[in-house]
Amino acid sequence: MAQKKDKKVTIGDLAIIINKGFDGQMEYMEKRFNQMEEKMATKSELGEVKKDVGELKKDVKYIKENLKSSAELEKEVDYIKNTLGVSALEK
């Protein structure tokens, strides 16, 4: 059986992974905003719209509280690299 080479994860790879997560959140938020716009067209559903706005506010607050800056991510990557003894990336 052939040996499997370990794939090195670069900061660029991590950025792509994180970006996909952000894209997913943006798609979710866009979908929710579109749903709200549709509901706002009908005044009889005003109570439901208020509930949705409240849920969106909670979602946005959660995202803001859990969103890490690129500097924090770089520190975490450095810590992982140091812990695993991974050498610096070649440029």
C-alpha atoms as a PDB file:
ATOM      1  CA  MET A   1       0.000   0.000   0.000  1.00  0.00           C
ATOM      2  CA  ALA A   2       1.419   3.392  -0.955  1.00  0.00           C
ATOM      3  CA  GLN A   3       2.101   5.872   1.808  1.00  0.00           C
ATOM      4  CA  LYS A   4      -0.213   8.837   1.967  1.00  0.00           C
ATOM      5  CA  LYS A   5       1.568  12.208   1.972  1.00  0.00           C
ATOM      6  CA  ASP A   6       0.470  14.659   4.649  1.00  0.00           C
ATOM      7  CA  LYS A   7      -1.025  17.738   3.067  1.00  0.00           C
ATOM      8  CA  LYS A   8       0.237  20.987   4.534  1.00  0.00           C
ATOM      9  CA  VAL A   9      -2.469  23.509   5.274  1.00  0.00           C
ATOM     10  CA  THR A  10      -1.407  27.024   4.401  1.00  0.00           C
ATOM     11  CA  ILE A  11      -2.780  30.301   5.661  1.00  0.00           C
ATOM     12  CA  GLY A  12      -4.280  30.696   2.193  1.00  0.00           C
ATOM     13  CA  ASP A  13      -6.087  27.357   2.620  1.00  0.00           C
ATOM     14  CA  LEU A  14      -7.435  28.506   5.969  1.00  0.00           C
ATOM     15  CA  ALA A  15      -8.561  31.774   4.418  1.00  0.00           C
ATOM     16  CA  ILE A  16     -10.489  29.850   1.765  1.00  0.00           C
ATOM     17  CA  ILE A  17     -12.147  27.666   4.406  1.00  0.00           C
ATOM     18  CA  ILE A  18     -13.136  30.700   6.460  1.00  0.00           C
ATOM     19  CA  ASN A  19     -14.372  32.542   3.366  1.00  0.00           C
ATOM     20  CA  LYS A  20     -16.639  29.597   2.518  1.00  0.00           C
ATOM     21  CA  GLY A  21     -18.092  29.880   6.018  1.00  0.00           C
ATOM     22  CA  PHE A  22     -18.709  33.585   5.516  1.00  0.00           C
ATOM     23  CA  ASP A  23     -20.290  32.920   2.127  1.00  0.00           C
ATOM     24  CA  GLY A  24     -22.620  30.417   3.742  1.00  0.00           C
ATOM     25  CA  GLN A  25     -23.629  32.945   6.375  1.00  0.00           C
ATOM     26  CA  MET A  26     -24.215  35.609   3.736  1.00  0.00           C
ATOM     27  CA  GLU A  27     -26.430  33.239   1.725  1.00  0.00           C
ATOM     28  CA  TYR A  28     -28.395  32.460   4.868  1.00  0.00           C
ATOM     29  CA  MET A  29     -28.819  36.140   5.751  1.00  0.00           C
ATOM     30  CA  GLU A  30     -29.829  37.023   2.171  1.00  0.00           C
ATOM     31  CA  LYS A  31     -32.425  34.257   2.211  1.00  0.00           C
ATOM     32  CA  ARG A  32     -33.795  35.478   5.535  1.00  0.00           C
ATOM     33  CA  PHE A  33     -33.941  39.112   4.352  1.00  0.00           C
ATOM     34  CA  ASN A  34     -35.769  38.040   1.203  1.00  0.00           C
ATOM     35  CA  GLN A  35     -38.266  36.120   3.318  1.00  0.00           C
ATOM     36  CA  MET A  36     -38.779  39.217   5.456  1.00  0.00           C
ATOM     37  CA  GLU A  37     -39.382  41.414   2.418  1.00  0.00           C
ATOM     38  CA  GLU A  38     -42.017  38.993   1.164  1.00  0.00           C
ATOM     39  CA  LYS A  39     -43.734  38.990   4.550  1.00  0.00           C
ATOM     40  CA  MET A  40     -43.616  42.778   4.821  1.00  0.00           C
ATOM     41  CA  ALA A  41     -45.674  42.973   1.639  1.00  0.00           C
ATOM     42  CA  THR A  42     -48.615  41.650   3.635  1.00  0.00           C
ATOM     43  CA  LYS A  43     -49.563  43.795   6.633  1.00  0.00           C
ATOM     44  CA  SER A  44     -51.486  40.952   8.268  1.00  0.00           C
ATOM     45  CA  GLU A  45     -48.176  39.220   8.959  1.00  0.00           C
ATOM     46  CA  LEU A  46     -46.626  42.155  10.827  1.00  0.00           C
ATOM     47  CA  GLY A  47     -46.273  40.186  14.057  1.00  0.00           C
ATOM     48  CA  GLU A  48     -44.401  37.444  12.234  1.00  0.00           C
ATOM     49  CA  VAL A  49     -42.110  40.030  10.625  1.00  0.00           C
ATOM     50  CA  LYS A  50     -41.256  41.473  14.043  1.00  0.00           C
ATOM     51  CA  LYS A  51     -40.424  37.971  15.247  1.00  0.00           C
ATOM     52  CA  ASP A  52     -38.181  37.403  12.218  1.00  0.00           C
ATOM     53  CA  VAL A  53     -36.399  40.734  12.774  1.00  0.00           C
ATOM     54  CA  GLY A  54     -35.754  39.685  16.355  1.00  0.00           C
ATOM     55  CA  GLU A  55     -34.324  36.359  15.163  1.00  0.00           C
ATOM     56  CA  LEU A  56     -32.131  38.138  12.614  1.00  0.00           C
ATOM     57  CA  LYS A  57     -30.824  40.487  15.277  1.00  0.00           C
ATOM     58  CA  LYS A  58     -29.923  37.478  17.427  1.00  0.00           C
ATOM     59  CA  ASP A  59     -28.214  35.814  14.451  1.00  0.00           C
ATOM     60  CA  VAL A  60     -26.186  38.936  13.627  1.00  0.00           C
ATOM     61  CA  LYS A  61     -25.217  39.376  17.280  1.00  0.00           C
ATOM     62  CA  TYR A  62     -24.076  35.738  17.439  1.00  0.00           C
ATOM     63  CA  ILE A  63     -22.008  36.129  14.262  1.00  0.00           C
ATOM     64  CA  LYS A  64     -20.388  39.343  15.544  1.00  0.00           C
ATOM     65  CA  GLU A  65     -19.563  37.735  18.898  1.00  0.00           C
ATOM     66  CA  ASN A  66     -18.051  34.632  17.327  1.00  0.00           C
ATOM     67  CA  LEU A  67     -16.296  36.189  14.346  1.00  0.00           C
ATOM     68  CA  LYS A  68     -12.542  36.102  14.702  1.00  0.00           C
ATOM     69  CA  SER A  69     -10.245  38.634  13.143  1.00  0.00           C
ATOM     70  CA  SER A  70      -7.539  37.569  10.730  1.00  0.00           C
ATOM     71  CA  ALA A  71      -4.946  38.483  13.380  1.00  0.00           C
ATOM     72  CA  GLU A  72      -6.568  36.082  15.846  1.00  0.00           C
ATOM     73  CA  LEU A  73      -6.656  33.352  13.212  1.00  0.00           C
ATOM     74  CA  GLU A  74      -2.995  33.902  12.372  1.00  0.00           C
ATOM     75  CA  LYS A  75      -2.090  33.569  16.061  1.00  0.00           C
ATOM     76  CA  GLU A  76      -4.045  30.330  16.264  1.00  0.00           C
ATOM     77  CA  VAL A  77      -2.374  28.984  13.123  1.00  0.00           C
ATOM     78  CA  ASP A  78       1.042  29.916  14.514  1.00  0.00           C
ATOM     79  CA  TYR A  79       0.214  28.171  17.783  1.00  0.00           C
ATOM     80  CA  ILE A  80      -0.894  25.022  15.936  1.00  0.00           C
ATOM     81  CA  LYS A  81       2.205  25.083  13.730  1.00  0.00           C
ATOM     82  CA  ASN A  82       4.459  25.495  16.770  1.00  0.00           C
ATOM     83  CA  THR A  83       2.660  22.739  18.657  1.00  0.00           C
ATOM     84  CA  LEU A  84       2.941  20.340  15.731  1.00  0.00           C
ATOM     85  CA  GLY A  85       6.470  21.435  14.882  1.00  0.00           C
ATOM     86  CA  VAL A  86       5.535  22.458  11.349  1.00  0.00           C
ATOM     87  CA  SER A  87       8.181  24.530   9.596  1.00  0.00           C
ATOM     88  CA  ALA A  88       7.527  27.985   8.194  1.00  0.00           C
ATOM     89  CA  LEU A  89       5.877  28.276   4.821  1.00  0.00           C
ATOM     90  CA  GLU A  90       8.055  28.813   1.803  1.00  0.00           C
ATOM     91  CA  LYS A  91       7.291  31.923  -0.176  1.00  0.00           C
END
